[in-house]
Protein backbone atom coordinates (compact mmCIF):
# COMPACT_ATOMS: atom_id res chain seq x y z
CA UNK A 1 9.34 -8.19 8.57
CA UNK A 2 9.32 -5.13 6.32
CA UNK A 3 9.55 -1.67 7.87
CA UNK A 4 6.78 0.53 6.52
CA UNK A 5 7.86 3.76 8.20
CA UNK A 6 11.04 5.41 9.42
CA UNK A 7 12.05 4.79 13.07
CA UNK A 8 9.91 6.94 15.36
CA UNK A 9 7.35 7.62 12.64
CA UNK A 10 4.13 5.84 11.74
CA UNK A 11 3.30 7.73 8.54
CA UNK A 12 4.53 6.78 5.04
CA UNK A 13 8.17 7.64 4.35
CA UNK A 14 7.25 9.99 1.51
CA UNK A 15 5.16 12.05 3.94
CA UNK A 16 8.32 12.67 6.00
CA UNK A 17 10.77 13.10 3.12
CA UNK A 18 8.29 15.41 1.43
CA UNK A 19 9.57 18.12 3.78
CA UNK A 20 12.92 18.00 1.94
CA UNK A 21 11.87 19.41 -1.41
CA UNK A 22 14.43 21.67 -3.13
CA UNK A 23 13.30 25.09 -4.30
CA UNK A 24 12.93 24.04 -7.94
CA UNK A 25 10.61 21.15 -6.98
CA UNK A 26 8.52 23.47 -4.81
CA UNK A 27 8.24 25.94 -7.69
CA UNK A 28 7.26 23.12 -10.05
CA UNK A 29 4.49 21.88 -7.76
CA UNK A 30 3.16 25.40 -7.38
CA UNK A 31 3.16 25.86 -11.17
CA UNK A 32 1.28 22.59 -11.64
CA UNK A 33 -1.14 23.40 -8.78
CA UNK A 34 -0.13 20.17 -7.04
CA UNK A 35 -0.34 19.77 -3.27
CA UNK A 36 2.92 19.27 -1.38
CA UNK A 37 3.38 15.60 -0.43
CA UNK A 38 4.34 16.32 3.18
CA UNK A 39 0.96 17.76 4.10
CA UNK A 40 -1.36 15.92 1.70
CA UNK A 41 -0.02 12.43 2.39
CA UNK A 42 -0.18 12.86 6.16
CA UNK A 43 -3.80 14.00 5.86
CA UNK A 44 -4.71 11.09 3.55
CA UNK A 45 -3.00 8.61 5.83
CA UNK A 46 -4.78 9.76 8.97
CA UNK A 47 -8.09 9.87 7.07
CA UNK A 48 -7.58 6.19 6.23
CA UNK A 49 -6.75 5.38 9.86
CA UNK A 50 -9.97 7.09 11.00
CA UNK A 51 -12.08 5.31 8.37
CA UNK A 52 -10.62 1.97 9.42
CA UNK A 53 -11.29 2.78 13.09
CA UNK A 54 -14.94 3.54 12.26
CA UNK A 55 -15.26 0.31 10.24
CA UNK A 56 -13.74 -1.73 13.06
CA UNK A 57 -16.16 -0.16 15.56
CA UNK A 58 -19.09 -1.13 13.33
CA UNK A 59 -17.79 -4.66 12.78
CA UNK A 60 -17.39 -5.11 16.53
CA UNK A 61 -21.18 -4.93 16.79
CA UNK A 62 -21.89 -7.57 14.13
CA UNK A 63 -21.30 -11.01 15.59
CA UNK A 64 -22.20 -14.54 14.54
CA UNK A 65 -25.84 -14.04 15.49
CA UNK A 66 -26.19 -10.66 13.84
CA UNK A 67 -28.70 -10.66 10.94
CA UNK A 68 -27.40 -9.59 7.56
CA UNK A 69 -30.08 -6.89 7.49
CA UNK A 70 -28.41 -5.18 10.45
CA UNK A 71 -27.83 -1.54 9.33
CA UNK A 72 -24.23 -1.85 10.56
CA UNK A 73 -23.42 -4.17 7.64
CA UNK A 74 -24.52 -1.53 5.16
CA UNK A 75 -22.77 1.23 7.11
CA UNK A 76 -19.50 -0.72 6.95
CA UNK A 77 -19.82 -0.95 3.16
CA UNK A 78 -20.44 2.79 2.86
CA UNK A 79 -17.15 3.25 4.71
CA UNK A 80 -15.55 0.69 2.37
CA UNK A 81 -16.51 2.86 -0.62
CA UNK A 82 -14.98 5.87 1.12
CA UNK A 83 -11.81 3.86 1.76
CA UNK A 84 -11.66 2.95 -1.94
CA UNK A 85 -12.04 6.62 -2.84
CA UNK A 86 -9.15 7.61 -0.56
CA UNK A 87 -6.92 4.93 -2.10
CA UNK A 88 -7.84 5.99 -5.63
CA UNK A 89 -7.22 9.66 -4.76
CA UNK A 90 -3.78 8.71 -3.48
CA UNK A 91 -2.98 6.74 -6.63
CA UNK A 92 -4.05 9.60 -8.91
CA UNK A 93 -2.10 12.18 -6.88
CA UNK A 94 1.09 10.09 -6.91
CA UNK A 95 0.74 9.53 -10.65
CA UNK A 96 0.47 13.31 -11.15
CA UNK A 97 3.43 13.89 -8.81
CA UNK A 98 5.65 11.49 -10.77
CA UNK A 99 4.60 13.03 -14.09
CA UNK A 100 5.29 16.58 -12.88
CA UNK A 101 8.70 15.79 -11.35
CA UNK A 102 10.12 13.50 -14.03
CA UNK A 103 12.98 15.07 -16.04
CA UNK A 104 12.38 15.32 -19.77
CA UNK A 105 15.06 12.69 -20.43
CA UNK A 106 13.27 10.01 -18.39
CA UNK A 107 10.18 9.44 -20.55
CA UNK A 108 10.55 5.65 -20.67
CA UNK A 109 11.48 5.44 -16.99
CA UNK A 110 8.45 7.54 -16.11
CA UNK A 111 6.23 5.17 -18.08
CA UNK A 112 7.65 2.19 -16.19
CA UNK A 113 7.16 3.95 -12.84
CA UNK A 114 3.56 4.83 -13.62
CA UNK A 115 2.86 1.27 -14.76
CA UNK A 116 4.37 -0.14 -11.55
CA UNK A 117 2.16 2.22 -9.55
CA UNK A 118 -0.93 1.13 -11.48
CA UNK A 119 -0.08 -2.56 -11.11
CA UNK A 120 0.40 -2.18 -7.36
CA UNK A 121 -2.91 -0.33 -7.06
CA UNK A 122 -4.46 -3.32 -8.82
CA UNK A 123 -8.00 -4.24 -9.78
CA UNK A 124 -9.49 -5.03 -6.38
CA UNK A 125 -10.16 -1.38 -5.63
CA UNK A 126 -10.15 0.23 -9.08
CA UNK A 127 -12.74 -2.05 -10.69
CA UNK A 128 -15.37 -2.09 -7.90
CA UNK A 129 -15.11 1.67 -7.37
CA UNK A 130 -15.34 2.48 -11.08
CA UNK A 131 -18.42 0.27 -11.44
CA UNK A 132 -20.05 1.95 -8.44
CA UNK A 133 -19.19 5.44 -9.73
CA UNK A 134 -20.11 5.00 -13.38
CA UNK A 135 -22.29 1.93 -14.03
CA UNK A 136 -24.93 1.72 -11.33
CA UNK A 137 -23.30 -1.01 -9.27
CA UNK A 138 -23.28 -1.12 -5.48
CA UNK A 139 -21.49 -3.01 -2.73
CA UNK A 140 -23.91 -5.59 -1.33
CA UNK A 141 -23.39 -7.38 2.01
CA UNK A 142 -22.45 -11.05 2.09
CA UNK A 143 -21.28 -13.16 5.01
CA UNK A 144 -19.60 -16.54 5.22
CA UNK A 145 -20.15 -18.37 8.51
CA UNK A 146 -19.26 -21.64 10.17
CA UNK A 147 -20.04 -22.54 13.81
CA UNK A 148 -17.08 -20.51 15.14
CA UNK A 149 -16.26 -17.76 12.62
CA UNK A 150 -18.12 -15.13 10.62
CA UNK A 151 -16.35 -13.50 7.68
CA UNK A 152 -18.06 -10.28 6.51
CA UNK A 153 -17.66 -9.32 2.90
CA UNK A 154 -19.19 -7.62 -0.10
CA UNK A 155 -20.37 -8.40 -3.61
CA UNK A 156 -20.01 -5.86 -6.43
CA UNK A 157 -23.64 -6.07 -7.52
CA UNK A 158 -25.42 -4.52 -10.49
CA UNK A 159 -26.54 -4.96 -14.13
CA UNK A 160 -24.69 -7.85 -15.79
CA UNK A 161 -26.49 -8.02 -19.15
CA UNK A 162 -29.47 -9.89 -20.62
CA UNK A 163 -31.80 -8.16 -18.18
CA UNK A 164 -30.07 -9.68 -15.18
CA UNK A 165 -28.60 -8.23 -12.02
CA UNK A 166 -25.94 -9.96 -9.97
CA UNK A 167 -22.25 -10.08 -9.07
CA UNK A 168 -19.92 -8.27 -11.47
CA UNK A 169 -18.01 -11.54 -11.95
CA UNK A 170 -20.92 -12.83 -14.10
CA UNK A 171 -20.68 -9.92 -16.56
CA UNK A 172 -19.19 -11.07 -19.87
CA UNK A 173 -18.23 -7.47 -20.65
CA UNK A 174 -16.56 -6.40 -17.39
CA UNK A 175 -16.34 -9.42 -15.11
CA UNK A 176 -13.01 -10.93 -16.13
CA UNK A 177 -10.70 -11.59 -13.16
CA UNK A 178 -13.22 -10.29 -10.62
CA UNK A 179 -14.49 -12.34 -7.71
CA UNK A 180 -18.03 -13.09 -6.62
CA UNK A 181 -17.28 -12.21 -3.01
CA UNK A 182 -14.63 -10.04 -1.36
CA UNK A 183 -13.51 -10.59 2.24
CA UNK A 184 -13.89 -7.30 4.10
CA UNK A 185 -11.05 -8.03 6.58
CA UNK A 186 -8.65 -8.82 3.71
CA UNK A 187 -9.75 -5.70 1.84
CA UNK A 188 -9.21 -3.49 4.90
CA UNK A 189 -5.73 -4.85 5.61
CA UNK A 190 -4.72 -4.57 1.96
CA UNK A 191 -6.00 -0.97 1.76
CA UNK A 192 -3.93 0.05 4.79
CA UNK A 193 -0.80 -1.61 3.39
CA UNK A 194 -1.44 -0.02 -0.01
CA UNK A 195 -0.88 3.49 1.38
CA UNK A 196 2.72 2.54 2.17
CA UNK A 197 3.31 0.45 -0.96
CA UNK A 198 2.19 3.18 -3.37
CA UNK A 199 4.11 5.96 -1.63
CA UNK A 200 7.29 3.84 -1.46
CA UNK A 201 7.06 3.16 -5.19
CA UNK A 202 6.84 6.91 -5.76
CA UNK A 203 9.59 7.92 -3.35
CA UNK A 204 12.35 5.89 -5.03
CA UNK A 205 12.25 7.63 -8.46
CA UNK A 206 11.71 11.06 -6.88
CA UNK A 207 14.95 10.65 -4.92
CA UNK A 208 16.75 9.34 -8.00
CA UNK A 209 15.60 12.34 -10.03
CA UNK A 210 16.69 14.80 -7.33
CA UNK A 211 13.13 15.99 -6.71
CA UNK A 212 13.57 15.09 -3.01
CA UNK A 213 16.80 15.46 -1.02
CA UNK A 214 16.06 13.94 2.34
CA UNK A 215 18.50 12.89 5.04
CA UNK A 216 18.44 11.65 8.61
CA UNK A 217 18.34 15.17 10.03
CA UNK A 218 15.27 16.00 7.95
CA UNK A 219 13.53 12.92 9.30
CA UNK A 220 14.37 13.87 12.88
CA UNK A 221 13.12 17.42 12.42
CA UNK A 222 9.79 16.61 10.78
CA UNK A 223 7.37 14.15 12.31
CA UNK A 224 3.83 14.25 10.88
CA UNK A 225 2.48 11.94 13.63
CA UNK A 226 -0.47 13.82 15.12
CA UNK A 227 -3.12 13.61 17.82
CA UNK A 228 -4.81 10.72 16.03
CA UNK A 229 -1.73 8.64 16.85
CA UNK A 230 -3.53 7.42 19.97
CA UNK A 231 -6.06 5.52 17.83
CA UNK A 232 -3.43 3.68 15.77
CA UNK A 233 -2.41 0.90 18.22
CA UNK A 234 -6.05 -0.16 18.55
CA UNK A 235 -6.57 -0.07 14.78
CA UNK A 236 -3.48 -2.22 14.16
CA UNK A 237 -4.43 -4.71 16.87
CA UNK A 238 -8.01 -5.06 15.64
CA UNK A 239 -7.02 -5.31 11.97
CA UNK A 240 -4.72 -8.19 12.84
CA UNK A 241 -7.46 -9.88 14.89
CA UNK A 242 -10.05 -9.93 12.08
CA UNK A 243 -10.65 -13.34 10.46
CA UNK A 244 -8.00 -14.45 7.98
CA UNK A 245 -10.39 -16.48 5.87
CA UNK A 246 -11.38 -15.55 2.34
CA UNK A 247 -14.02 -16.19 -0.27
CA UNK A 248 -13.35 -18.30 -3.36
CA UNK A 249 -10.46 -16.84 -5.33
CA UNK A 250 -8.90 -15.31 -2.21
CA UNK A 251 -7.44 -18.46 -0.65
CA UNK A 252 -3.65 -18.23 -0.27
CA UNK A 253 -3.77 -14.49 -1.10
CA UNK A 254 -1.08 -12.68 0.96
CA UNK A 255 -2.70 -10.98 3.94
CA UNK A 256 -0.75 -8.28 5.83
CA UNK A 257 0.09 -8.69 9.51
CA UNK A 258 1.06 -5.34 11.04
CA UNK A 259 3.32 -4.58 13.97
CA UNK A 260 3.57 -1.26 15.82
CA UNK A 261 6.60 -1.03 18.08
CA UNK A 262 8.45 2.04 19.39
CA UNK A 263 6.28 4.28 17.19
CA UNK A 264 7.41 2.44 14.07
CA UNK A 265 5.20 0.37 11.76
CA UNK A 266 6.28 -2.86 10.10
CA UNK A 267 4.50 -5.60 8.20
CA UNK A 268 4.84 -9.23 7.26
CA UNK A 269 2.60 -11.32 5.04
CA UNK A 270 0.41 -14.16 6.24
CA UNK A 271 -1.92 -16.16 4.04
CA UNK A 272 -5.67 -16.12 3.55
CA UNK A 273 -7.23 -19.42 4.59
CA UNK A 274 -10.28 -21.38 3.50
CA UNK A 275 -13.14 -21.49 5.99
CA UNK A 276 -13.59 -25.14 6.97
CA UNK A 277 -16.55 -27.27 7.99
CA UNK A 278 -20.20 -26.56 7.28
CA UNK A 279 -20.16 -23.07 5.75
CA UNK A 280 -23.25 -20.93 5.37
CA UNK A 281 -23.40 -18.04 2.91
CA UNK A 282 -25.87 -15.19 3.35
CA UNK A 283 -26.37 -12.45 0.78
CA UNK A 284 -28.56 -9.38 0.90
CA UNK A 285 -30.05 -8.22 -2.41
CA UNK A 286 -29.62 -4.42 -2.27
CA UNK A 287 -32.28 -3.43 -4.81
CA UNK A 288 -34.94 -5.26 -6.80
CA UNK A 289 -37.84 -4.52 -9.14
CA UNK A 290 -40.81 -6.58 -10.30
CA UNK A 291 -39.84 -9.13 -12.93
CA UNK A 292 -36.15 -8.84 -12.14
CA UNK A 293 -33.90 -11.80 -12.88
CA UNK A 294 -31.28 -12.23 -10.18
CA UNK A 295 -27.99 -14.06 -10.45
CA UNK A 296 -27.18 -15.05 -6.88
CA UNK A 297 -23.54 -15.37 -5.84
CA UNK A 298 -22.21 -18.91 -5.42
CA UNK A 299 -25.33 -20.59 -6.76
CA UNK A 300 -25.06 -23.48 -9.21
CA UNK A 301 -26.33 -22.68 -12.75
CA UNK A 302 -29.58 -24.66 -12.39
CA UNK A 303 -30.48 -22.64 -9.27
CA UNK A 304 -28.92 -19.30 -10.16
CA UNK A 305 -31.95 -17.48 -11.58
CA UNK A 306 -34.71 -16.52 -9.18
CA UNK A 307 -37.65 -14.49 -10.45
CA UNK A 308 -39.31 -12.00 -8.15
């Protein structure tokens, strides 16, 4: 079990230690017009908690018998885009923070730190969000169901070349290492864990460079837990309760299991399982025009092109 926060805190460690910036670091951030980590990271964190709470409320109303055309499915995916944006904003801010605070003599170390940050951020958020922002893609609802479980998910859907529209994974230009379907529960748990993973990767070099000088007394004096704390136990419990099954390419992927005890967050990793038995896939085409050629997700090649 890995502790994500300091004892008595539920926010990322950097959000707490960000109160212990020496005067020269404060002056540097002001010169660079960079927000102070103590306030910005707490805000970002609680924004993510609220987005997850809204998504969980929406998912609670979409059961096994719920049609894929239910507006709640689309509303959940709009929240998923917002969650991606918050994660990307965090990554970009932390990258700027490292760059601003790195001593001139640590050029190679800075490069390694930034690369580690980028690798941890990964493709599962960066690629879908960039395609949605810049290339006319959208997140389209897909569900995977057997007689006892429904796994909600999304497909990154848009133009894939040769006049076709379909999952990004079929694009020869941009589809490498992308999946046809993404499990929404896995995505939500990974996004929540990512807030802590990215900030921890940033905290270590900042302490080493002397840009932060935190101690136990600082952590006792500053606690950015706020009124939204009351929603967190329910969010953690419901995140853990979501199905732990994944689409193809997600099986065996580490899936966070969170624990909130004595106002302290910790995490261990479970695994993403394959949905067994007779599995039914449903996909909603988000947009279509006359004469369009559609590549459907998870269809065999001889059945993959439907003309409308």
